[in-house]
């Protein structure tokens, strides 16, 4: 039986400094992360035709049909994080995002 190959772009993202943030304010950090995922990240992934393939606590892996979709999503999430927390000092702000491609 022949296997089917397809190209997919994988976006890997996690919260920069999550352990430190949790140590400073566990409940608040968790609540903010859940709100960011629900109100920003999940809608952006759907908007760019992606889907979450794995949650990792403070991060996720998402699959996209193209590299362009993955990178656009990553950029919009990064910009959205800044827009969502304009008064939060840089050291308290979260959300490091990286994108890479993979053959699946």
N, C-alpha and C. Protein backbone atom coordinates (compact mmCIF):
# COMPACT_ATOMS: atom_id res chain seq x y z
N UNK A 1 0.84 -1.18 0.00
CA UNK A 1 0.00 0.00 0.00
C UNK A 1 0.89 1.25 0.00
N UNK A 2 0.69 2.14 -0.93
CA UNK A 2 1.49 3.35 -1.05
C UNK A 2 1.08 4.37 0.00
N UNK A 3 2.08 5.02 0.57
CA UNK A 3 1.77 6.06 1.55
C UNK A 3 1.61 7.39 0.84
N UNK A 4 0.76 8.24 1.40
CA UNK A 4 0.53 9.57 0.84
C UNK A 4 1.35 10.57 1.63
N UNK A 5 2.08 11.39 0.91
CA UNK A 5 2.88 12.44 1.55
C UNK A 5 2.27 13.78 1.23
N UNK A 6 2.39 14.70 2.15
CA UNK A 6 1.93 16.05 1.92
C UNK A 6 2.83 17.01 2.67
N UNK A 7 2.93 18.20 2.15
CA UNK A 7 3.71 19.23 2.83
C UNK A 7 2.81 19.96 3.81
N UNK A 8 3.35 20.26 4.96
CA UNK A 8 2.61 21.02 5.97
C UNK A 8 3.59 21.92 6.70
N UNK A 9 3.11 23.04 7.12
CA UNK A 9 3.92 23.94 7.93
C UNK A 9 3.49 23.79 9.38
N UNK A 10 4.46 23.67 10.26
CA UNK A 10 4.18 23.51 11.68
C UNK A 10 4.61 24.78 12.42
N UNK A 11 3.70 25.32 13.19
CA UNK A 11 4.00 26.47 14.04
C UNK A 11 4.14 25.95 15.47
N UNK A 12 5.30 26.16 16.04
CA UNK A 12 5.54 25.79 17.44
C UNK A 12 5.60 27.08 18.25
N UNK A 13 4.82 27.15 19.29
CA UNK A 13 4.78 28.37 20.10
C UNK A 13 4.74 28.02 21.57
N UNK A 14 5.38 28.87 22.36
CA UNK A 14 5.28 28.72 23.81
C UNK A 14 5.41 30.10 24.45
N UNK A 15 5.13 30.15 25.74
CA UNK A 15 5.18 31.40 26.49
C UNK A 15 6.58 31.57 27.04
N UNK A 16 7.23 32.63 26.60
CA UNK A 16 8.58 32.93 27.10
C UNK A 16 8.51 33.30 28.58
N UNK A 17 9.35 32.67 29.38
CA UNK A 17 9.40 32.99 30.81
C UNK A 17 8.21 32.47 31.60
N UNK A 18 7.55 31.44 31.11
CA UNK A 18 6.33 30.93 31.75
C UNK A 18 6.58 30.49 33.20
N UNK A 19 7.65 29.78 33.43
CA UNK A 19 7.93 29.30 34.80
C UNK A 19 8.12 30.48 35.76
N UNK A 20 8.86 31.48 35.31
CA UNK A 20 9.07 32.66 36.14
C UNK A 20 7.75 33.38 36.42
N UNK A 21 6.94 33.55 35.34
CA UNK A 21 5.64 34.21 35.50
C UNK A 21 4.73 33.43 36.45
N UNK A 22 4.75 32.11 36.35
CA UNK A 22 3.93 31.28 37.24
C UNK A 22 4.40 31.41 38.69
N UNK A 23 5.71 31.51 38.87
CA UNK A 23 6.25 31.68 40.22
C UNK A 23 5.84 32.99 40.85
N UNK A 24 5.69 34.01 40.03
CA UNK A 24 5.31 35.34 40.54
C UNK A 24 3.81 35.46 40.78
N UNK A 25 3.00 34.83 39.91
CA UNK A 25 1.54 34.96 40.01
C UNK A 25 0.89 33.80 39.26
N UNK A 26 0.81 32.66 39.92
CA UNK A 26 0.32 31.44 39.27
C UNK A 26 -1.10 31.60 38.73
N UNK A 27 -2.01 32.04 39.56
CA UNK A 27 -3.41 32.15 39.15
C UNK A 27 -3.61 33.18 38.03
N UNK A 28 -3.00 34.35 38.19
CA UNK A 28 -3.14 35.40 37.18
C UNK A 28 -2.51 35.00 35.85
N UNK A 29 -1.33 34.36 35.90
CA UNK A 29 -0.66 33.92 34.68
C UNK A 29 -1.50 32.89 33.95
N UNK A 30 -2.05 31.94 34.67
CA UNK A 30 -2.88 30.90 34.05
C UNK A 30 -4.13 31.51 33.42
N UNK A 31 -4.77 32.41 34.14
CA UNK A 31 -5.98 33.06 33.61
C UNK A 31 -5.68 33.87 32.35
N UNK A 32 -4.55 34.61 32.37
CA UNK A 32 -4.19 35.40 31.18
C UNK A 32 -3.87 34.50 30.00
N UNK A 33 -3.16 33.39 30.24
CA UNK A 33 -2.83 32.46 29.16
C UNK A 33 -4.10 31.90 28.54
N UNK A 34 -5.03 31.45 29.37
CA UNK A 34 -6.28 30.89 28.85
C UNK A 34 -7.06 31.92 28.04
N UNK A 35 -7.08 33.16 28.49
CA UNK A 35 -7.78 34.23 27.77
C UNK A 35 -7.09 34.50 26.43
N UNK A 36 -5.77 34.54 26.42
CA UNK A 36 -5.03 34.77 25.16
C UNK A 36 -5.32 33.65 24.16
N UNK A 37 -5.31 32.42 24.64
CA UNK A 37 -5.58 31.29 23.74
C UNK A 37 -6.99 31.38 23.17
N UNK A 38 -7.95 31.61 24.03
CA UNK A 38 -9.37 31.63 23.64
C UNK A 38 -9.70 32.82 22.73
N UNK A 39 -9.18 34.00 23.07
CA UNK A 39 -9.59 35.23 22.39
C UNK A 39 -8.69 35.66 21.25
N UNK A 40 -7.44 35.18 21.22
CA UNK A 40 -6.50 35.61 20.18
C UNK A 40 -5.93 34.44 19.38
N UNK A 41 -5.28 33.52 20.06
CA UNK A 41 -4.54 32.46 19.38
C UNK A 41 -5.45 31.53 18.60
N UNK A 42 -6.44 30.95 19.25
CA UNK A 42 -7.34 30.01 18.56
C UNK A 42 -8.03 30.65 17.34
N UNK A 43 -8.58 31.87 17.46
CA UNK A 43 -9.19 32.49 16.28
C UNK A 43 -8.18 32.76 15.15
N UNK A 44 -6.95 33.16 15.48
CA UNK A 44 -5.94 33.41 14.45
C UNK A 44 -5.54 32.13 13.74
N UNK A 45 -5.42 31.05 14.48
CA UNK A 45 -5.10 29.76 13.86
C UNK A 45 -6.21 29.37 12.88
N UNK A 46 -7.45 29.50 13.30
CA UNK A 46 -8.58 29.16 12.42
C UNK A 46 -8.63 30.09 11.21
N UNK A 47 -8.39 31.37 11.42
CA UNK A 47 -8.41 32.36 10.33
C UNK A 47 -7.39 32.02 9.24
N UNK A 48 -6.27 31.43 9.64
CA UNK A 48 -5.20 31.09 8.70
C UNK A 48 -5.21 29.61 8.31
N UNK A 49 -6.36 28.99 8.45
CA UNK A 49 -6.60 27.61 7.99
C UNK A 49 -5.74 26.58 8.71
N UNK A 50 -5.42 26.86 9.97
CA UNK A 50 -4.61 25.94 10.74
C UNK A 50 -5.44 25.13 11.71
N UNK A 51 -4.76 24.22 12.37
CA UNK A 51 -5.40 23.42 13.42
C UNK A 51 -4.36 23.04 14.46
N UNK A 52 -4.78 23.05 15.71
CA UNK A 52 -3.90 22.64 16.82
C UNK A 52 -3.75 21.12 16.75
N UNK A 53 -2.51 20.65 16.78
CA UNK A 53 -2.27 19.21 16.79
C UNK A 53 -1.78 18.74 18.16
N UNK A 54 -1.27 19.68 18.99
CA UNK A 54 -0.84 19.29 20.33
C UNK A 54 -0.75 20.52 21.22
N UNK A 55 -1.29 20.39 22.43
CA UNK A 55 -1.14 21.40 23.47
C UNK A 55 -0.04 20.93 24.41
N UNK A 56 0.77 21.87 24.88
CA UNK A 56 1.90 21.51 25.74
C UNK A 56 1.90 22.28 27.05
N UNK A 57 0.75 22.65 27.54
CA UNK A 57 0.68 23.41 28.79
C UNK A 57 0.81 24.90 28.53
N UNK A 58 2.03 25.36 28.29
CA UNK A 58 2.23 26.78 28.01
C UNK A 58 2.51 27.02 26.53
N UNK A 59 2.20 26.04 25.68
CA UNK A 59 2.45 26.19 24.25
C UNK A 59 1.59 25.24 23.44
N UNK A 60 1.89 25.21 22.14
CA UNK A 60 1.13 24.34 21.24
C UNK A 60 1.90 24.11 19.96
N UNK A 61 1.49 23.10 19.23
CA UNK A 61 1.92 22.85 17.86
C UNK A 61 0.68 22.97 16.99
N UNK A 62 0.79 23.74 15.92
CA UNK A 62 -0.33 23.91 15.00
C UNK A 62 0.15 23.59 13.59
N UNK A 63 -0.73 22.97 12.82
CA UNK A 63 -0.43 22.59 11.44
C UNK A 63 -1.17 23.53 10.49
N UNK A 64 -0.47 23.96 9.44
CA UNK A 64 -1.05 24.85 8.44
C UNK A 64 -0.78 24.27 7.05
N UNK A 65 -1.64 24.60 6.08
CA UNK A 65 -1.44 24.08 4.72
C UNK A 65 -0.29 24.75 3.99
N UNK A 66 0.19 25.89 4.48
CA UNK A 66 1.31 26.56 3.83
C UNK A 66 2.17 27.30 4.84
N UNK A 67 3.42 27.52 4.45
CA UNK A 67 4.34 28.28 5.29
C UNK A 67 3.83 29.71 5.45
N UNK A 68 3.29 30.27 4.38
CA UNK A 68 2.78 31.64 4.43
C UNK A 68 1.70 31.76 5.51
N UNK A 69 0.78 30.81 5.55
CA UNK A 69 -0.28 30.85 6.57
C UNK A 69 0.32 30.76 7.98
N UNK A 70 1.30 29.89 8.18
CA UNK A 70 1.91 29.72 9.51
C UNK A 70 2.62 31.00 9.95
N UNK A 71 3.38 31.59 9.06
CA UNK A 71 4.14 32.80 9.41
C UNK A 71 3.20 33.97 9.65
N UNK A 72 2.19 34.12 8.81
CA UNK A 72 1.22 35.21 9.02
C UNK A 72 0.53 35.05 10.36
N UNK A 73 0.15 33.84 10.70
CA UNK A 73 -0.49 33.59 11.99
C UNK A 73 0.46 33.96 13.13
N UNK A 74 1.71 33.53 13.04
CA UNK A 74 2.69 33.82 14.10
C UNK A 74 2.87 35.33 14.28
N UNK A 75 2.99 36.04 13.18
CA UNK A 75 3.18 37.50 13.26
C UNK A 75 1.96 38.17 13.87
N UNK A 76 0.77 37.75 13.46
CA UNK A 76 -0.45 38.36 13.98
C UNK A 76 -0.66 38.05 15.46
N UNK A 77 -0.27 36.86 15.88
CA UNK A 77 -0.36 36.52 17.31
C UNK A 77 0.62 37.39 18.10
N UNK A 78 1.85 37.53 17.62
CA UNK A 78 2.83 38.37 18.32
C UNK A 78 2.33 39.81 18.43
N UNK A 79 1.83 40.36 17.34
CA UNK A 79 1.32 41.73 17.38
C UNK A 79 0.10 41.83 18.28
N UNK A 80 -0.74 40.82 18.23
CA UNK A 80 -1.94 40.81 19.07
C UNK A 80 -1.62 40.76 20.55
N UNK A 81 -0.56 40.04 20.91
CA UNK A 81 -0.16 39.97 22.33
C UNK A 81 0.24 41.35 22.82
N UNK A 82 0.97 42.09 22.02
CA UNK A 82 1.37 43.45 22.41
C UNK A 82 0.14 44.35 22.53
N UNK A 83 -0.77 44.24 21.56
CA UNK A 83 -1.98 45.06 21.58
C UNK A 83 -2.87 44.73 22.78
N UNK A 84 -2.89 43.46 23.18
CA UNK A 84 -3.75 43.03 24.29
C UNK A 84 -3.23 43.51 25.64
N UNK A 85 -1.92 43.69 25.77
CA UNK A 85 -1.33 44.05 27.06
C UNK A 85 -0.39 45.24 26.91
N UNK A 86 -0.89 46.36 26.41
CA UNK A 86 0.01 47.51 26.15
C UNK A 86 0.62 48.09 27.43
N UNK A 87 -0.02 47.94 28.55
CA UNK A 87 0.47 48.51 29.80
C UNK A 87 1.30 47.54 30.63
N UNK A 88 1.44 46.30 30.14
CA UNK A 88 2.22 45.30 30.87
C UNK A 88 3.69 45.48 30.51
N UNK A 89 4.57 45.61 31.50
CA UNK A 89 5.99 45.76 31.21
C UNK A 89 6.51 44.57 30.39
N UNK A 90 7.52 44.81 29.56
CA UNK A 90 8.07 43.77 28.67
C UNK A 90 8.43 42.50 29.44
N UNK A 91 9.01 42.64 30.64
CA UNK A 91 9.43 41.45 31.39
C UNK A 91 8.25 40.63 31.92
N UNK A 92 7.04 41.21 31.95
CA UNK A 92 5.84 40.47 32.38
C UNK A 92 5.01 39.99 31.20
N UNK A 93 5.34 40.49 30.00
CA UNK A 93 4.58 40.11 28.80
C UNK A 93 5.03 38.73 28.36
N UNK A 94 4.10 37.96 27.79
CA UNK A 94 4.41 36.60 27.41
C UNK A 94 4.17 36.37 25.92
N UNK A 95 4.75 35.30 25.39
CA UNK A 95 4.42 34.89 24.05
C UNK A 95 5.55 34.88 23.04
N UNK A 96 6.47 33.97 23.15
CA UNK A 96 7.50 33.79 22.14
C UNK A 96 6.97 32.81 21.11
N UNK A 97 7.01 33.20 19.82
CA UNK A 97 6.47 32.36 18.76
C UNK A 97 7.53 32.09 17.72
N UNK A 98 7.65 30.83 17.30
CA UNK A 98 8.57 30.49 16.21
C UNK A 98 7.83 29.59 15.22
N UNK A 99 8.26 29.62 13.98
CA UNK A 99 7.62 28.80 12.95
C UNK A 99 8.68 28.02 12.19
N UNK A 100 8.34 26.80 11.81
CA UNK A 100 9.23 25.99 10.99
C UNK A 100 8.38 25.10 10.09
N UNK A 101 8.99 24.58 9.05
CA UNK A 101 8.26 23.71 8.13
C UNK A 101 8.70 22.26 8.31
N UNK A 102 7.82 21.37 7.96
CA UNK A 102 8.09 19.96 8.09
C UNK A 102 7.29 19.19 7.06
N UNK A 103 7.79 18.06 6.60
CA UNK A 103 7.05 17.20 5.67
C UNK A 103 6.28 16.19 6.50
N UNK A 104 5.00 16.10 6.25
CA UNK A 104 4.17 15.14 6.98
C UNK A 104 3.55 14.16 6.02
